[in-house]
Amino acid sequence: MKEGFYNVLKGKFLINDDAMKNWRFILFCTLLAIVMIACSHSAERKVHVIAKMNNEVRELRSESIEAKKSLMQLKMKSAIEKRVQGTGIAPSNTPPQKIKINL
């Protein structure tokens, strides 16, 4: 057992007669490790892109809500009266009347 452990540490399993099987397995494991690392980098990159897009969506949503709020304030009767006050236009004192047409 002790000699087998020393042979592994010295690397004799890479130079003996059955070394071709060992080299194939080592290359296969290396290739799998490279593929795994590449996949994890790709996934990490996608996570960063998704987080960036989520932040952008939040910002755009808040801008949209703010624009709707300012539009609602501009549509208010008091805001319109303030804007047209200098032109001499005033709200009507008589309420509108319905026109009915009988055919």
PDB file of N, CA and C in Angstrom:
ATOM      1  N   MET A   1       0.818  -1.190   0.000  1.00  0.00           N
ATOM      2  CA  MET A   1       0.000   0.000   0.000  1.00  0.00           C
ATOM      3  C   MET A   1       0.865   1.257   0.000  1.00  0.00           C
ATOM      4  N   LYS A   2       1.920   1.236   0.835  1.00  0.00           N
ATOM      5  CA  LYS A   2       2.806   2.377   0.935  1.00  0.00           C
ATOM      6  C   LYS A   2       3.535   2.599  -0.393  1.00  0.00           C
ATOM      7  N   GLU A   3       3.926   1.514  -1.038  1.00  0.00           N
ATOM      8  CA  GLU A   3       4.635   1.628  -2.316  1.00  0.00           C
ATOM      9  C   GLU A   3       3.708   2.138  -3.417  1.00  0.00           C
ATOM     10  N   GLY A   4       2.452   1.708  -3.394  1.00  0.00           N
ATOM     11  CA  GLY A   4       1.470   2.187  -4.381  1.00  0.00           C
ATOM     12  C   GLY A   4       1.235   3.688  -4.248  1.00  0.00           C
ATOM     13  N   PHE A   5       1.203   4.165  -3.025  1.00  0.00           N
ATOM     14  CA  PHE A   5       1.015   5.595  -2.777  1.00  0.00           C
ATOM     15  C   PHE A   5       2.214   6.393  -3.295  1.00  0.00           C
ATOM     16  N   TYR A   6       3.418   5.858  -3.053  1.00  0.00           N
ATOM     17  CA  TYR A   6       4.630   6.522  -3.555  1.00  0.00           C
ATOM     18  C   TYR A   6       4.672   6.523  -5.080  1.00  0.00           C
ATOM     19  N   ASN A   7       4.215   5.445  -5.698  1.00  0.00           N
ATOM     20  CA  ASN A   7       4.189   5.384  -7.163  1.00  0.00           C
ATOM     21  C   ASN A   7       3.251   6.448  -7.738  1.00  0.00           C
ATOM     22  N   VAL A   8       2.137   6.673  -7.081  1.00  0.00           N
ATOM     23  CA  VAL A   8       1.210   7.719  -7.538  1.00  0.00           C
ATOM     24  C   VAL A   8       1.844   9.084  -7.368  1.00  0.00           C
ATOM     25  N   LEU A   9       2.498   9.317  -6.232  1.00  0.00           N
ATOM     26  CA  LEU A   9       3.147  10.607  -6.000  1.00  0.00           C
ATOM     27  C   LEU A   9       4.282  10.858  -6.990  1.00  0.00           C
ATOM     28  N   LYS A  10       5.019   9.814  -7.339  1.00  0.00           N
ATOM     29  CA  LYS A  10       6.132   9.962  -8.278  1.00  0.00           C
ATOM     30  C   LYS A  10       5.647  10.046  -9.720  1.00  0.00           C
ATOM     31  N   GLY A  11       4.404   9.656  -9.985  1.00  0.00           N
ATOM     32  CA  GLY A  11       3.850   9.728 -11.334  1.00  0.00           C
ATOM     33  C   GLY A  11       4.175   8.535 -12.190  1.00  0.00           C
ATOM     34  N   LYS A  12       4.490   7.397 -11.590  1.00  0.00           N
ATOM     35  CA  LYS A  12       4.839   6.209 -12.369  1.00  0.00           C
ATOM     36  C   LYS A  12       3.637   5.661 -13.148  1.00  0.00           C
ATOM     37  N   PHE A  13       2.433   5.997 -12.707  1.00  0.00           N
ATOM     38  CA  PHE A  13       1.249   5.521 -13.429  1.00  0.00           C
ATOM     39  C   PHE A  13       1.109   6.190 -14.795  1.00  0.00           C
ATOM     40  N   LEU A  14       1.865   7.273 -15.013  1.00  0.00           N
ATOM     41  CA  LEU A  14       1.818   7.961 -16.304  1.00  0.00           C
ATOM     42  C   LEU A  14       2.853   7.440 -17.295  1.00  0.00           C
ATOM     43  N   ILE A  15       3.830   6.663 -16.818  1.00  0.00           N
ATOM     44  CA  ILE A  15       4.894   6.204 -17.719  1.00  0.00           C
ATOM     45  C   ILE A  15       4.972   4.693 -17.848  1.00  0.00           C
ATOM     46  N   ASN A  16       4.123   3.954 -17.165  1.00  0.00           N
ATOM     47  CA  ASN A  16       4.191   2.493 -17.276  1.00  0.00           C
ATOM     48  C   ASN A  16       3.480   2.019 -18.557  1.00  0.00           C
ATOM     49  N   ASP A  17       3.339   0.717 -18.741  1.00  0.00           N
ATOM     50  CA  ASP A  17       2.797   0.144 -19.973  1.00  0.00           C
ATOM     51  C   ASP A  17       1.326   0.497 -20.201  1.00  0.00           C
ATOM     52  N   ASP A  18       0.531   0.627 -19.164  1.00  0.00           N
ATOM     53  CA  ASP A  18      -0.893   0.953 -19.300  1.00  0.00           C
ATOM     54  C   ASP A  18      -1.150   2.456 -19.209  1.00  0.00           C
ATOM     55  N   ALA A  19      -0.152   3.253 -19.494  1.00  0.00           N
ATOM     56  CA  ALA A  19      -0.258   4.697 -19.319  1.00  0.00           C
ATOM     57  C   ALA A  19      -1.237   5.326 -20.310  1.00  0.00           C
ATOM     58  N   MET A  20      -1.443   4.704 -21.469  1.00  0.00           N
ATOM     59  CA  MET A  20      -2.340   5.296 -22.473  1.00  0.00           C
ATOM     60  C   MET A  20      -3.761   5.432 -21.921  1.00  0.00           C
ATOM     61  N   LYS A  21      -4.240   4.439 -21.178  1.00  0.00           N
ATOM     62  CA  LYS A  21      -5.574   4.528 -20.569  1.00  0.00           C
ATOM     63  C   LYS A  21      -5.621   5.669 -19.557  1.00  0.00           C
ATOM     64  N   ASN A  22      -4.564   5.780 -18.801  1.00  0.00           N
ATOM     65  CA  ASN A  22      -4.520   6.838 -17.787  1.00  0.00           C
ATOM     66  C   ASN A  22      -4.502   8.222 -18.430  1.00  0.00           C
ATOM     67  N   TRP A  23      -3.700   8.371 -19.494  1.00  0.00           N
ATOM     68  CA  TRP A  23      -3.622   9.661 -20.173  1.00  0.00           C
ATOM     69  C   TRP A  23      -4.970  10.039 -20.792  1.00  0.00           C
ATOM     70  N   ARG A  24      -5.660   9.076 -21.396  1.00  0.00           N
ATOM     71  CA  ARG A  24      -6.982   9.348 -21.973  1.00  0.00           C
ATOM     72  C   ARG A  24      -7.949   9.834 -20.897  1.00  0.00           C
ATOM     73  N   PHE A  25      -7.923   9.158 -19.760  1.00  0.00           N
ATOM     74  CA  PHE A  25      -8.824   9.546 -18.672  1.00  0.00           C
ATOM     75  C   PHE A  25      -8.487  10.941 -18.146  1.00  0.00           C
ATOM     76  N   ILE A  26      -7.194  11.232 -18.014  1.00  0.00           N
ATOM     77  CA  ILE A  26      -6.770  12.549 -17.530  1.00  0.00           C
ATOM     78  C   ILE A  26      -7.185  13.633 -18.516  1.00  0.00           C
ATOM     79  N   LEU A  27      -6.999  13.393 -19.814  1.00  0.00           N
ATOM     80  CA  LEU A  27      -7.408  14.373 -20.825  1.00  0.00           C
ATOM     81  C   LEU A  27      -8.926  14.561 -20.838  1.00  0.00           C
ATOM     82  N   PHE A  28      -9.663  13.467 -20.663  1.00  0.00           N
ATOM     83  CA  PHE A  28     -11.120  13.544 -20.603  1.00  0.00           C
ATOM     84  C   PHE A  28     -11.574  14.382 -19.408  1.00  0.00           C
ATOM     85  N   CYS A  29     -10.960  14.134 -18.254  1.00  0.00           N
ATOM     86  CA  CYS A  29     -11.309  14.907 -17.050  1.00  0.00           C
ATOM     87  C   CYS A  29     -10.956  16.379 -17.223  1.00  0.00           C
ATOM     88  N   THR A  30      -9.819  16.649 -17.864  1.00  0.00           N
ATOM     89  CA  THR A  30      -9.410  18.029 -18.119  1.00  0.00           C
ATOM     90  C   THR A  30     -10.394  18.724 -19.044  1.00  0.00           C
ATOM     91  N   LEU A  31     -10.801  18.036 -20.097  1.00  0.00           N
ATOM     92  CA  LEU A  31     -11.782  18.597 -21.027  1.00  0.00           C
ATOM     93  C   LEU A  31     -13.107  18.882 -20.319  1.00  0.00           C
ATOM     94  N   LEU A  32     -13.555  17.958 -19.486  1.00  0.00           N
ATOM     95  CA  LEU A  32     -14.795  18.185 -18.740  1.00  0.00           C
ATOM     96  C   LEU A  32     -14.670  19.386 -17.797  1.00  0.00           C
ATOM     97  N   ALA A  33     -13.516  19.535 -17.165  1.00  0.00           N
ATOM     98  CA  ALA A  33     -13.302  20.675 -16.269  1.00  0.00           C
ATOM     99  C   ALA A  33     -13.344  21.993 -17.037  1.00  0.00           C
ATOM    100  N   ILE A  34     -12.741  22.018 -18.224  1.00  0.00           N
ATOM    101  CA  ILE A  34     -12.748  23.229 -19.046  1.00  0.00           C
ATOM    102  C   ILE A  34     -14.171  23.576 -19.468  1.00  0.00           C
ATOM    103  N   VAL A  35     -14.941  22.573 -19.894  1.00  0.00           N
ATOM    104  CA  VAL A  35     -16.329  22.811 -20.297  1.00  0.00           C
ATOM    105  C   VAL A  35     -17.152  23.314 -19.108  1.00  0.00           C
ATOM    106  N   MET A  36     -16.941  22.725 -17.943  1.00  0.00           N
ATOM    107  CA  MET A  36     -17.672  23.151 -16.745  1.00  0.00           C
ATOM    108  C   MET A  36     -17.342  24.599 -16.383  1.00  0.00           C
ATOM    109  N   ILE A  37     -16.085  24.967 -16.457  1.00  0.00           N
ATOM    110  CA  ILE A  37     -15.676  26.344 -16.149  1.00  0.00           C
ATOM    111  C   ILE A  37     -16.288  27.314 -17.149  1.00  0.00           C
ATOM    112  N   ALA A  38     -16.273  26.957 -18.431  1.00  0.00           N
ATOM    113  CA  ALA A  38     -16.850  27.825 -19.460  1.00  0.00           C
ATOM    114  C   ALA A  38     -18.354  28.001 -19.241  1.00  0.00           C
ATOM    115  N   CYS A  39     -19.041  26.933 -18.891  1.00  0.00           N
ATOM    116  CA  CYS A  39     -20.488  27.021 -18.651  1.00  0.00           C
ATOM    117  C   CYS A  39     -20.796  27.884 -17.432  1.00  0.00           C
ATOM    118  N   SER A  40     -20.001  27.762 -16.400  1.00  0.00           N
ATOM    119  CA  SER A  40     -20.247  28.570 -15.202  1.00  0.00           C
ATOM    120  C   SER A  40     -19.978  30.049 -15.484  1.00  0.00           C
ATOM    121  N   HIS A  41     -18.958  30.361 -16.285  1.00  0.00           N
ATOM    122  CA  HIS A  41     -18.698  31.758 -16.659  1.00  0.00           C
ATOM    123  C   HIS A  41     -19.854  32.308 -17.488  1.00  0.00           C
ATOM    124  N   SER A  42     -20.343  31.499 -18.401  1.00  0.00           N
ATOM    125  CA  SER A  42     -21.473  31.929 -19.232  1.00  0.00           C
ATOM    126  C   SER A  42     -22.707  32.185 -18.385  1.00  0.00           C
ATOM    127  N   ALA A  43     -22.993  31.309 -17.448  1.00  0.00           N
ATOM    128  CA  ALA A  43     -24.156  31.487 -16.577  1.00  0.00           C
ATOM    129  C   ALA A  43     -23.992  32.734 -15.711  1.00  0.00           C
ATOM    130  N   GLU A  44     -22.799  32.955 -15.206  1.00  0.00           N
ATOM    131  CA  GLU A  44     -22.540  34.136 -14.372  1.00  0.00           C
ATOM    132  C   GLU A  44     -22.733  35.416 -15.188  1.00  0.00           C
ATOM    133  N   ARG A  45     -22.281  35.414 -16.425  1.00  0.00           N
ATOM    134  CA  ARG A  45     -22.449  36.570 -17.302  1.00  0.00           C
ATOM    135  C   ARG A  45     -23.938  36.846 -17.534  1.00  0.00           C
ATOM    136  N   LYS A  46     -24.716  35.783 -17.738  1.00  0.00           N
ATOM    137  CA  LYS A  46     -26.160  35.951 -17.948  1.00  0.00           C
ATOM    138  C   LYS A  46     -26.846  36.479 -16.702  1.00  0.00           C
ATOM    139  N   VAL A  47     -26.405  36.053 -15.538  1.00  0.00           N
ATOM    140  CA  VAL A  47     -26.982  36.555 -14.289  1.00  0.00           C
ATOM    141  C   VAL A  47     -26.740  38.055 -14.157  1.00  0.00           C
ATOM    142  N   HIS A  48     -25.539  38.508 -14.522  1.00  0.00           N
ATOM    143  CA  HIS A  48     -25.237  39.940 -14.455  1.00  0.00           C
ATOM    144  C   HIS A  48     -26.100  40.726 -15.438  1.00  0.00           C
ATOM    145  N   VAL A  49     -26.281  40.195 -16.639  1.00  0.00           N
ATOM    146  CA  VAL A  49     -27.113  40.877 -17.643  1.00  0.00           C
ATOM    147  C   VAL A  49     -28.559  40.958 -17.153  1.00  0.00           C
ATOM    148  N   ILE A  50     -29.065  39.883 -16.566  1.00  0.00           N
ATOM    149  CA  ILE A  50     -30.446  39.873 -16.065  1.00  0.00           C
ATOM    150  C   ILE A  50     -30.611  40.885 -14.938  1.00  0.00           C
ATOM    151  N   ALA A  51     -29.650  40.965 -14.034  1.00  0.00           N
ATOM    152  CA  ALA A  51     -29.723  41.934 -12.936  1.00  0.00           C
ATOM    153  C   ALA A  51     -29.702  43.364 -13.468  1.00  0.00           C
ATOM    154  N   LYS A  52     -28.875  43.613 -14.472  1.00  0.00           N
ATOM    155  CA  LYS A  52     -28.800  44.946 -15.078  1.00  0.00           C
ATOM    156  C   LYS A  52     -30.131  45.305 -15.733  1.00  0.00           C
ATOM    157  N   MET A  53     -30.730  44.348 -16.433  1.00  0.00           N
ATOM    158  CA  MET A  53     -32.014  44.609 -17.093  1.00  0.00           C
ATOM    159  C   MET A  53     -33.128  44.821 -16.076  1.00  0.00           C
ATOM    160  N   ASN A  54     -33.107  44.094 -14.970  1.00  0.00           N
ATOM    161  CA  ASN A  54     -34.113  44.293 -13.925  1.00  0.00           C
ATOM    162  C   ASN A  54     -34.023  45.700 -13.343  1.00  0.00           C
ATOM    163  N   ASN A  55     -32.803  46.177 -13.115  1.00  0.00           N
ATOM    164  CA  ASN A  55     -32.634  47.549 -12.618  1.00  0.00           C
ATOM    165  C   ASN A  55     -33.158  48.561 -13.628  1.00  0.00           C
ATOM    166  N   GLU A  56     -32.877  48.325 -14.901  1.00  0.00           N
ATOM    167  CA  GLU A  56     -33.346  49.230 -15.950  1.00  0.00           C
ATOM    168  C   GLU A  56     -34.873  49.240 -16.027  1.00  0.00           C
ATOM    169  N   VAL A  57     -35.492  48.070 -15.874  1.00  0.00           N
ATOM    170  CA  VAL A  57     -36.959  47.983 -15.890  1.00  0.00           C
ATOM    171  C   VAL A  57     -37.540  48.761 -14.712  1.00  0.00           C
ATOM    172  N   ARG A  58     -36.943  48.635 -13.539  1.00  0.00           N
ATOM    173  CA  ARG A  58     -37.425  49.380 -12.371  1.00  0.00           C
ATOM    174  C   ARG A  58     -37.340  50.892 -12.604  1.00  0.00           C
ATOM    175  N   GLU A  59     -36.217  51.340 -13.173  1.00  0.00           N
ATOM    176  CA  GLU A  59     -36.050  52.766 -13.445  1.00  0.00           C
ATOM    177  C   GLU A  59     -37.080  53.253 -14.454  1.00  0.00           C
ATOM    178  N   LEU A  60     -37.292  52.492 -15.525  1.00  0.00           N
ATOM    179  CA  LEU A  60     -38.261  52.894 -16.540  1.00  0.00           C
ATOM    180  C   LEU A  60     -39.684  52.895 -15.981  1.00  0.00           C
ATOM    181  N   ARG A  61     -39.982  51.928 -15.121  1.00  0.00           N
ATOM    182  CA  ARG A  61     -41.312  51.883 -14.507  1.00  0.00           C
ATOM    183  C   ARG A  61     -41.532  53.109 -13.625  1.00  0.00           C
ATOM    184  N   SER A  62     -40.527  53.495 -12.854  1.00  0.00           N
ATOM    185  CA  SER A  62     -40.681  54.674 -11.994  1.00  0.00           C
ATOM    186  C   SER A  62     -40.801  55.946 -12.834  1.00  0.00           C
ATOM    187  N   GLU A  63     -40.063  56.034 -13.947  1.00  0.00           N
ATOM    188  CA  GLU A  63     -40.194  57.183 -14.841  1.00  0.00           C
ATOM    189  C   GLU A  63     -41.594  57.244 -15.441  1.00  0.00           C
ATOM    190  N   SER A  64     -42.140  56.101 -15.803  1.00  0.00           N
ATOM    191  CA  SER A  64     -43.484  56.050 -16.370  1.00  0.00           C
ATOM    192  C   SER A  64     -44.519  56.513 -15.351  1.00  0.00           C
ATOM    193  N   ILE A  65     -44.400  56.060 -14.119  1.00  0.00           N
ATOM    194  CA  ILE A  65     -45.336  56.471 -13.072  1.00  0.00           C
ATOM    195  C   ILE A  65     -45.223  57.963 -12.813  1.00  0.00           C
ATOM    196  N   GLU A  66     -44.001  58.465 -12.817  1.00  0.00           N
ATOM    197  CA  GLU A  66     -43.794  59.898 -12.596  1.00  0.00           C
ATOM    198  C   GLU A  66     -44.393  60.719 -13.733  1.00  0.00           C
ATOM    199  N   ALA A  67     -44.250  60.252 -14.976  1.00  0.00           N
ATOM    200  CA  ALA A  67     -44.824  60.959 -16.122  1.00  0.00           C
ATOM    201  C   ALA A  67     -46.352  60.950 -16.057  1.00  0.00           C
ATOM    202  N   LYS A  68     -46.940  59.815 -15.660  1.00  0.00           N
ATOM    203  CA  LYS A  68     -48.401  59.749 -15.525  1.00  0.00           C
ATOM    204  C   LYS A  68     -48.891  60.705 -14.445  1.00  0.00           C
ATOM    205  N   LYS A  69     -48.131  60.803 -13.361  1.00  0.00           N
ATOM    206  CA  LYS A  69     -48.499  61.700 -12.265  1.00  0.00           C
ATOM    207  C   LYS A  69     -48.488  63.155 -12.732  1.00  0.00           C
ATOM    208  N   SER A  70     -47.428  63.533 -13.439  1.00  0.00           N
ATOM    209  CA  SER A  70     -47.348  64.927 -13.904  1.00  0.00           C
ATOM    210  C   SER A  70     -48.430  65.214 -14.945  1.00  0.00           C
ATOM    211  N   LEU A  71     -48.767  64.246 -15.783  1.00  0.00           N
ATOM    212  CA  LEU A  71     -49.844  64.423 -16.756  1.00  0.00           C
ATOM    213  C   LEU A  71     -51.182  64.613 -16.059  1.00  0.00           C
ATOM    214  N   MET A  72     -51.425  63.825 -15.016  1.00  0.00           N
ATOM    215  CA  MET A  72     -52.676  63.972 -14.258  1.00  0.00           C
ATOM    216  C   MET A  72     -52.760  65.356 -13.615  1.00  0.00           C
ATOM    217  N   GLN A  73     -51.635  65.867 -13.119  1.00  0.00           N
ATOM    218  CA  GLN A  73     -51.633  67.193 -12.507  1.00  0.00           C
ATOM    219  C   GLN A  73     -51.882  68.271 -13.557  1.00  0.00           C
ATOM    220  N   LEU A  74     -51.357  68.079 -14.779  1.00  0.00           N
ATOM    221  CA  LEU A  74     -51.580  69.062 -15.841  1.00  0.00           C
ATOM    222  C   LEU A  74     -53.028  69.057 -16.328  1.00  0.00           C
ATOM    223  N   LYS A  75     -53.718  67.930 -16.215  1.00  0.00           N
ATOM    224  CA  LYS A  75     -55.104  67.823 -16.666  1.00  0.00           C
ATOM    225  C   LYS A  75     -56.105  68.387 -15.662  1.00  0.00           C
ATOM    226  N   MET A  76     -55.662  68.643 -14.447  1.00  0.00           N
ATOM    227  CA  MET A  76     -56.579  69.131 -13.425  1.00  0.00           C
ATOM    228  C   MET A  76     -57.133  70.503 -13.805  1.00  0.00           C
ATOM    229  N   LYS A  77     -58.389  70.758 -13.415  1.00  0.00           N
ATOM    230  CA  LYS A  77     -59.068  72.002 -13.768  1.00  0.00           C
ATOM    231  C   LYS A  77     -58.315  73.207 -13.229  1.00  0.00           C
ATOM    232  N   SER A  78     -57.835  73.133 -12.011  1.00  0.00           N
ATOM    233  CA  SER A  78     -57.136  74.268 -11.406  1.00  0.00           C
ATOM    234  C   SER A  78     -55.847  74.589 -12.159  1.00  0.00           C
ATOM    235  N   ALA A  79     -55.137  73.557 -12.631  1.00  0.00           N
ATOM    236  CA  ALA A  79     -53.890  73.794 -13.371  1.00  0.00           C
ATOM    237  C   ALA A  79     -54.184  74.451 -14.717  1.00  0.00           C
ATOM    238  N   ILE A  80     -55.258  74.019 -15.361  1.00  0.00           N
ATOM    239  CA  ILE A  80     -55.620  74.611 -16.657  1.00  0.00           C
ATOM    240  C   ILE A  80     -56.042  76.060 -16.458  1.00  0.00           C
ATOM    241  N   GLU A  81     -56.821  76.345 -15.403  1.00  0.00           N
ATOM    242  CA  GLU A  81     -57.245  77.726 -15.133  1.00  0.00           C
ATOM    243  C   GLU A  81     -56.043  78.631 -14.889  1.00  0.00           C
ATOM    244  N   LYS A  82     -55.028  78.133 -14.176  1.00  0.00           N
ATOM    245  CA  LYS A  82     -53.824  78.939 -13.922  1.00  0.00           C
ATOM    246  C   LYS A  82     -53.077  79.237 -15.214  1.00  0.00           C
ATOM    247  N   ARG A  83     -53.028  78.263 -16.120  1.00  0.00           N
ATOM    248  CA  ARG A  83     -52.270  78.459 -17.361  1.00  0.00           C
ATOM    249  C   ARG A  83     -52.955  79.422 -18.317  1.00  0.00           C
ATOM    250  N   VAL A  84     -54.283  79.465 -18.345  1.00  0.00           N
ATOM    251  CA  VAL A  84     -54.999  80.341 -19.289  1.00  0.00           C
ATOM    252  C   VAL A  84     -55.494  81.612 -18.625  1.00  0.00           C
ATOM    253  N   GLN A  85     -55.110  81.870 -17.397  1.00  0.00           N
ATOM    254  CA  GLN A  85     -55.590  83.029 -16.653  1.00  0.00           C
ATOM    255  C   GLN A  85     -55.215  84.344 -17.335  1.00  0.00           C
ATOM    256  N   GLY A  86     -54.037  84.469 -17.860  1.00  0.00           N
ATOM    257  CA  GLY A  86     -53.582  85.711 -18.487  1.00  0.00           C
ATOM    258  C   GLY A  86     -54.201  85.974 -19.847  1.00  0.00           C
ATOM    259  N   THR A  87     -54.792  84.977 -20.478  1.00  0.00           N
ATOM    260  CA  THR A  87     -55.358  85.161 -21.817  1.00  0.00           C
ATOM    261  C   THR A  87     -56.788  85.676 -21.790  1.00  0.00           C
ATOM    262  N   GLY A  88     -57.422  85.729 -20.645  1.00  0.00           N
ATOM    263  CA  GLY A  88     -58.788  86.222 -20.549  1.00  0.00           C
ATOM    264  C   GLY A  88     -59.830  85.132 -20.697  1.00  0.00           C
ATOM    265  N   ILE A  89     -59.425  83.921 -20.848  1.00  0.00           N
ATOM    266  CA  ILE A  89     -60.363  82.805 -20.944  1.00  0.00           C
ATOM    267  C   ILE A  89     -60.724  82.381 -19.531  1.00  0.00           C
ATOM    268  N   ALA A  90     -62.032  82.227 -19.279  1.00  0.00           N
ATOM    269  CA  ALA A  90     -62.490  81.846 -17.943  1.00  0.00           C
ATOM    270  C   ALA A  90     -63.489  80.703 -18.072  1.00  0.00           C
ATOM    271  N   PRO A  91     -63.712  79.943 -17.002  1.00  0.00           N
ATOM    272  CA  PRO A  91     -64.697  78.869 -17.071  1.00  0.00           C
ATOM    273  C   PRO A  91     -66.111  79.432 -17.198  1.00  0.00           C
ATOM    274  N   SER A  92     -66.954  78.678 -17.827  1.00  0.00           N
ATOM    275  CA  SER A  92     -68.336  79.104 -18.046  1.00  0.00           C
ATOM    276  C   SER A  92     -69.111  79.059 -16.736  1.00  0.00           C
ATOM    277  N   ASN A  93     -69.997  80.060 -16.559  1.00  0.00           N
ATOM    278  CA  ASN A  93     -70.833  80.095 -15.363  1.00  0.00           C
ATOM    279  C   ASN A  93     -72.101  79.271 -15.540  1.00  0.00           C
ATOM    280  N   THR A  94     -72.525  79.068 -16.779  1.00  0.00           N
ATOM    281  CA  THR A  94     -73.726  78.269 -17.039  1.00  0.00           C
ATOM    282  C   THR A  94     -73.310  76.859 -17.387  1.00  0.00           C
ATOM    283  N   PRO A  95     -73.972  75.870 -16.827  1.00  0.00           N
ATOM    284  CA  PRO A  95     -73.609  74.487 -17.118  1.00  0.00           C
ATOM    285  C   PRO A  95     -73.970  74.104 -18.550  1.00  0.00           C
ATOM    286  N   PRO A  96     -73.320  73.135 -19.106  1.00  0.00           N
ATOM    287  CA  PRO A  96     -73.650  72.713 -20.475  1.00  0.00           C
ATOM    288  C   PRO A  96     -75.039  72.066 -20.521  1.00  0.00           C
ATOM    289  N   GLN A  97     -75.658  72.147 -21.689  1.00  0.00           N
ATOM    290  CA  GLN A  97     -76.992  71.573 -21.877  1.00  0.00           C
ATOM    291  C   GLN A  97     -76.908  70.422 -22.857  1.00  0.00           C
ATOM    292  N   LYS A  98     -77.741  69.433 -22.648  1.00  0.00           N
ATOM    293  CA  LYS A  98     -77.791  68.279 -23.547  1.00  0.00           C
ATOM    294  C   LYS A  98     -78.707  68.617 -24.718  1.00  0.00           C
ATOM    295  N   ILE A  99     -78.298  68.242 -25.878  1.00  0.00           N
ATOM    296  CA  ILE A  99     -79.112  68.420 -27.083  1.00  0.00           C
ATOM    297  C   ILE A  99     -79.650  67.054 -27.457  1.00  0.00           C
ATOM    298  N   LYS A 100     -80.964  66.968 -27.539  1.00  0.00           N
ATOM    299  CA  LYS A 100     -81.607  65.704 -27.928  1.00  0.00           C
ATOM    300  C   LYS A 100     -82.180  65.854 -29.322  1.00  0.00           C
ATOM    301  N   ILE A 101     -81.893  64.886 -30.158  1.00  0.00           N
ATOM    302  CA  ILE A 101     -82.418  64.867 -31.534  1.00  0.00           C
ATOM    303  C   ILE A 101     -83.336  63.680 -31.663  1.00  0.00           C
ATOM    304  N   ASN A 102     -84.569  63.941 -32.042  1.00  0.00           N
ATOM    305  CA  ASN A 102     -85.545  62.867 -32.261  1.00  0.00           C
ATOM    306  C   ASN A 102     -85.656  62.604 -33.741  1.00  0.00           C
ATOM    307  N   LEU A 103     -85.446  61.410 -34.162  1.00  0.00           N
ATOM    308  CA  LEU A 103     -85.536  61.078 -35.590  1.00  0.00           C
ATOM    309  C   LEU A 103     -86.857  60.498 -35.945  1.00  0.00           C
TER     310      LEU A 103
END
